Amino acid sequence: MENILLENEIVLLKPIEIGDIEGITKAANDERIWEHMSVSLLDLASVESYVKNAIAEREKGITYTFVVIEKKMNRIVGCTSFLDISLPHRRVEIGSTWYQPSVWRSAINTNCKFLLLQYCFEELQLNRVQIKTGHENFRSQKAIERIGAVKEGVLRSHMIRKEGTIRHTVMYSIVSEEWEKVKAKFTTELFNL
């Protein structure tokens, strides 16, 4: 995967680069973002490390992190990634997604997820896209279910959070046979909210 640019009239998703550090630092400066995340990007050093690591992992084919740009204001409002990339098995995970609170419950996440899913199923011809979240992150669970992903179950004691507590992981997926139905849900319901 190289130089993936995904966009519509609402958002632009572009590969993360060193030049994005300032914009990410501005977008990430709210503690509420990091409550359920495994990282906290509340200072410049953390953002620099995050960006450098994301670039290194992209070069190794491990993850592919996008910067999310709100086109109306031409500003970075978050990031999202392809994780657990396995093109031989035709699967990927969408995750490590965060947005600044000013765009929570807006059209940003809906449009990002649509563009990512469309790319996965229509360009990459994948069989499966998975999305997972923490068992206490009800806002995220609701958003994932809203787009039509199927809850597969809970991975118990799956991770240790940055503060040392146990996280159970709620696993969702969309498979290729479901894509047309999910796509229709976006176009008939979700884009009209």
Protein backbone atom coordinates (compact mmCIF):
# COMPACT_ATOMS: atom_id res chain seq x y z
CA MET A 1 0.00 0.00 0.00
CA GLU A 2 1.54 3.25 -1.11
CA ASN A 3 0.37 6.86 -1.35
CA ILE A 4 -3.27 6.18 -0.57
CA LEU A 5 -5.37 9.35 -0.76
CA LEU A 6 -9.05 9.04 0.07
CA GLU A 7 -11.38 12.00 -0.10
CA ASN A 8 -14.83 13.34 -0.64
CA GLU A 9 -16.35 16.78 -0.08
CA ILE A 10 -16.11 16.40 3.74
CA VAL A 11 -12.73 14.80 4.50
CA LEU A 12 -9.31 14.04 3.09
CA LEU A 13 -7.37 11.07 4.41
CA LYS A 14 -3.70 11.21 3.53
CA PRO A 15 -0.64 9.28 4.71
CA ILE A 16 0.84 10.71 7.90
CA GLU A 17 4.09 12.63 7.40
CA ILE A 18 6.61 14.57 9.51
CA GLY A 19 5.07 17.82 8.25
CA ASP A 20 1.83 16.91 10.07
CA ILE A 21 3.34 17.17 13.57
CA GLU A 22 2.16 20.73 14.23
CA GLY A 23 -1.39 20.06 13.05
CA ILE A 24 -1.63 16.81 15.01
CA THR A 25 -0.30 18.54 18.14
CA LYS A 26 -3.10 21.13 17.88
CA ALA A 27 -5.78 18.52 17.17
CA ALA A 28 -4.66 16.11 19.91
CA ASN A 29 -4.48 18.57 22.79
CA ASP A 30 -7.53 17.44 24.77
CA GLU A 31 -7.34 14.81 27.52
CA ARG A 32 -10.82 13.45 26.67
CA ILE A 33 -9.46 12.00 23.41
CA TRP A 34 -7.05 9.69 25.22
CA GLU A 35 -9.34 8.17 27.87
CA HIS A 36 -9.74 4.90 25.95
CA MET A 37 -6.59 5.01 23.81
CA SER A 38 -3.28 3.24 24.35
CA VAL A 39 -1.35 6.47 23.74
CA SER A 40 -1.66 10.09 24.84
CA LEU A 41 -0.56 12.82 22.47
CA LEU A 42 -0.68 15.73 24.88
CA ASP A 43 2.84 17.07 24.27
CA LEU A 44 5.11 17.68 21.30
CA ALA A 45 7.54 14.85 22.14
CA SER A 46 4.69 12.30 22.19
CA VAL A 47 3.37 13.54 18.84
CA GLU A 48 6.83 13.43 17.26
CA SER A 49 7.32 9.85 18.46
CA TYR A 50 3.81 8.88 17.26
CA VAL A 51 4.40 10.29 13.77
CA LYS A 52 7.89 8.78 13.40
CA ASN A 53 6.63 5.38 14.58
CA ALA A 54 3.65 5.52 12.20
CA ILE A 55 5.94 6.28 9.24
CA ALA A 56 8.33 3.47 10.21
CA GLU A 57 5.45 0.99 10.55
CA ARG A 58 4.02 2.04 7.18
CA GLU A 59 7.41 1.45 5.55
CA LYS A 60 7.49 -2.06 7.09
CA GLY A 61 3.90 -2.79 5.97
CA ILE A 62 2.70 -3.21 9.57
CA THR A 63 0.23 -0.32 9.76
CA TYR A 64 -0.89 2.53 7.51
CA THR A 65 -1.83 5.68 9.40
CA PHE A 66 -3.84 8.46 7.82
CA VAL A 67 -4.17 12.05 8.92
CA VAL A 68 -7.82 13.13 8.80
CA ILE A 69 -8.29 16.60 7.36
CA GLU A 70 -11.62 18.40 7.65
CA LYS A 71 -11.83 19.99 4.20
CA LYS A 72 -14.18 22.83 5.15
CA MET A 73 -11.64 24.33 7.57
CA ASN A 74 -8.55 22.69 5.97
CA ARG A 75 -7.30 21.42 9.34
CA ILE A 76 -6.19 18.15 10.85
CA VAL A 77 -8.90 16.80 13.18
CA GLY A 78 -7.53 13.32 13.93
CA CYS A 79 -5.96 10.15 12.63
CA THR A 80 -7.08 6.65 11.68
CA SER A 81 -5.17 3.57 10.59
CA PHE A 82 -5.17 0.29 8.78
CA LEU A 83 -3.84 -2.29 11.26
CA ASP A 84 -3.26 -6.05 11.18
CA ILE A 85 -2.75 -5.78 7.43
CA SER A 86 -2.84 -9.19 5.75
CA LEU A 87 -3.32 -8.84 2.01
CA PRO A 88 -2.61 -12.57 1.41
CA HIS A 89 -5.59 -13.35 3.64
CA ARG A 90 -7.53 -10.36 2.25
CA ARG A 91 -8.20 -8.74 5.62
CA VAL A 92 -7.40 -5.57 7.51
CA GLU A 93 -8.43 -3.78 10.67
CA ILE A 94 -9.52 -0.15 10.86
CA GLY A 95 -8.45 1.27 14.17
CA SER A 96 -6.37 3.56 16.36
CA THR A 97 -8.88 6.21 15.34
CA TRP A 98 -9.07 9.44 17.28
CA TYR A 99 -10.66 12.81 16.63
CA GLN A 100 -10.60 16.11 18.43
CA PRO A 101 -13.83 16.57 20.42
CA SER A 102 -15.00 19.48 18.22
CA VAL A 103 -15.84 16.93 15.50
CA TRP A 104 -17.30 14.19 17.71
CA ARG A 105 -20.83 13.28 16.56
CA SER A 106 -20.27 15.09 13.28
CA ALA A 107 -20.08 13.83 9.71
CA ILE A 108 -16.29 13.34 9.96
CA ASN A 109 -16.18 9.77 11.32
CA THR A 110 -19.03 8.58 9.10
CA ASN A 111 -17.27 9.88 6.00
CA CYS A 112 -13.89 8.48 7.06
CA LYS A 113 -15.29 5.02 7.72
CA PHE A 114 -17.13 5.03 4.39
CA LEU A 115 -14.01 5.99 2.43
CA LEU A 116 -11.89 3.40 4.24
CA LEU A 117 -14.45 0.62 3.81
CA GLN A 118 -15.05 1.49 0.18
CA TYR A 119 -11.31 1.35 -0.49
CA CYS A 120 -10.99 -1.98 1.34
CA PHE A 121 -13.86 -3.72 -0.43
CA GLU A 122 -13.86 -2.06 -3.86
CA GLU A 123 -10.16 -1.37 -4.49
CA LEU A 124 -8.33 -3.98 -2.40
CA GLN A 125 -11.10 -6.60 -2.83
CA LEU A 126 -10.77 -7.67 0.81
CA ASN A 127 -12.88 -10.37 2.41
CA ARG A 128 -12.95 -8.89 5.90
CA VAL A 129 -12.53 -5.58 7.70
CA GLN A 130 -12.49 -5.72 11.48
CA ILE A 131 -12.91 -2.94 14.01
CA LYS A 132 -12.37 -3.35 17.72
CA THR A 133 -12.77 -1.20 20.79
CA GLY A 134 -12.58 -1.36 24.55
CA HIS A 135 -15.42 -2.82 26.59
CA GLU A 136 -15.93 0.48 28.42
CA ASN A 137 -15.83 2.66 25.31
CA PHE A 138 -19.58 2.78 24.74
CA ARG A 139 -19.40 5.84 22.45
CA SER A 140 -17.11 3.91 20.09
CA GLN A 141 -19.21 0.73 20.26
CA LYS A 142 -22.32 2.71 19.35
CA ALA A 143 -20.55 4.37 16.41
CA ILE A 144 -19.26 1.02 15.10
CA GLU A 145 -22.69 -0.60 15.37
CA ARG A 146 -24.29 2.41 13.68
CA ILE A 147 -22.31 1.84 10.49
CA GLY A 148 -23.52 -1.75 10.26
CA ALA A 149 -20.57 -3.75 11.63
CA VAL A 150 -21.46 -7.08 13.23
CA LYS A 151 -20.45 -7.67 16.84
CA GLU A 152 -18.53 -10.94 16.92
CA GLY A 153 -17.78 -11.14 20.61
CA VAL A 154 -15.47 -10.04 23.39
CA LEU A 155 -11.81 -10.94 23.74
CA ARG A 156 -11.48 -11.23 27.51
CA SER A 157 -8.46 -9.75 29.30
CA HIS A 158 -7.12 -8.81 25.89
CA MET A 159 -4.95 -5.79 26.68
CA ILE A 160 -3.41 -3.86 29.53
CA ARG A 161 -4.23 -0.17 29.35
CA LYS A 162 -1.58 2.52 29.77
CA GLU A 163 -2.63 2.99 33.41
CA GLY A 164 -2.26 -0.75 34.07
CA THR A 165 -5.91 -1.86 34.13
CA ILE A 166 -7.30 -4.76 32.07
CA ARG A 167 -9.18 -4.07 28.85
CA HIS A 168 -11.59 -6.55 27.34
CA THR A 169 -11.86 -5.95 23.59
CA VAL A 170 -15.17 -5.89 21.73
CA MET A 171 -14.63 -7.25 18.20
CA TYR A 172 -16.70 -6.23 15.17
CA SER A 173 -16.40 -6.96 11.47
CA ILE A 174 -17.86 -6.36 8.07
CA VAL A 175 -17.29 -9.05 5.44
CA SER A 176 -17.38 -8.66 1.67
CA GLU A 177 -20.82 -10.25 1.33
CA GLU A 178 -22.22 -7.50 3.59
CA TRP A 179 -20.54 -4.55 1.90
CA GLU A 180 -23.36 -3.63 -0.54
CA LYS A 181 -25.88 -3.58 2.32
CA VAL A 182 -23.54 -1.53 4.52
CA LYS A 183 -22.79 0.82 1.62
CA ALA A 184 -26.52 1.35 1.06
CA LYS A 185 -26.94 2.13 4.76
CA PHE A 186 -24.34 4.88 4.45
CA THR A 187 -25.97 6.42 1.37
CA THR A 188 -29.60 6.15 2.49
CA GLU A 189 -29.29 6.76 6.24
CA LEU A 190 -25.93 7.80 7.62
CA PHE A 191 -25.04 10.57 5.17
CA ASN A 192 -28.44 12.17 5.81
CA LEU A 193 -28.04 12.57 9.58
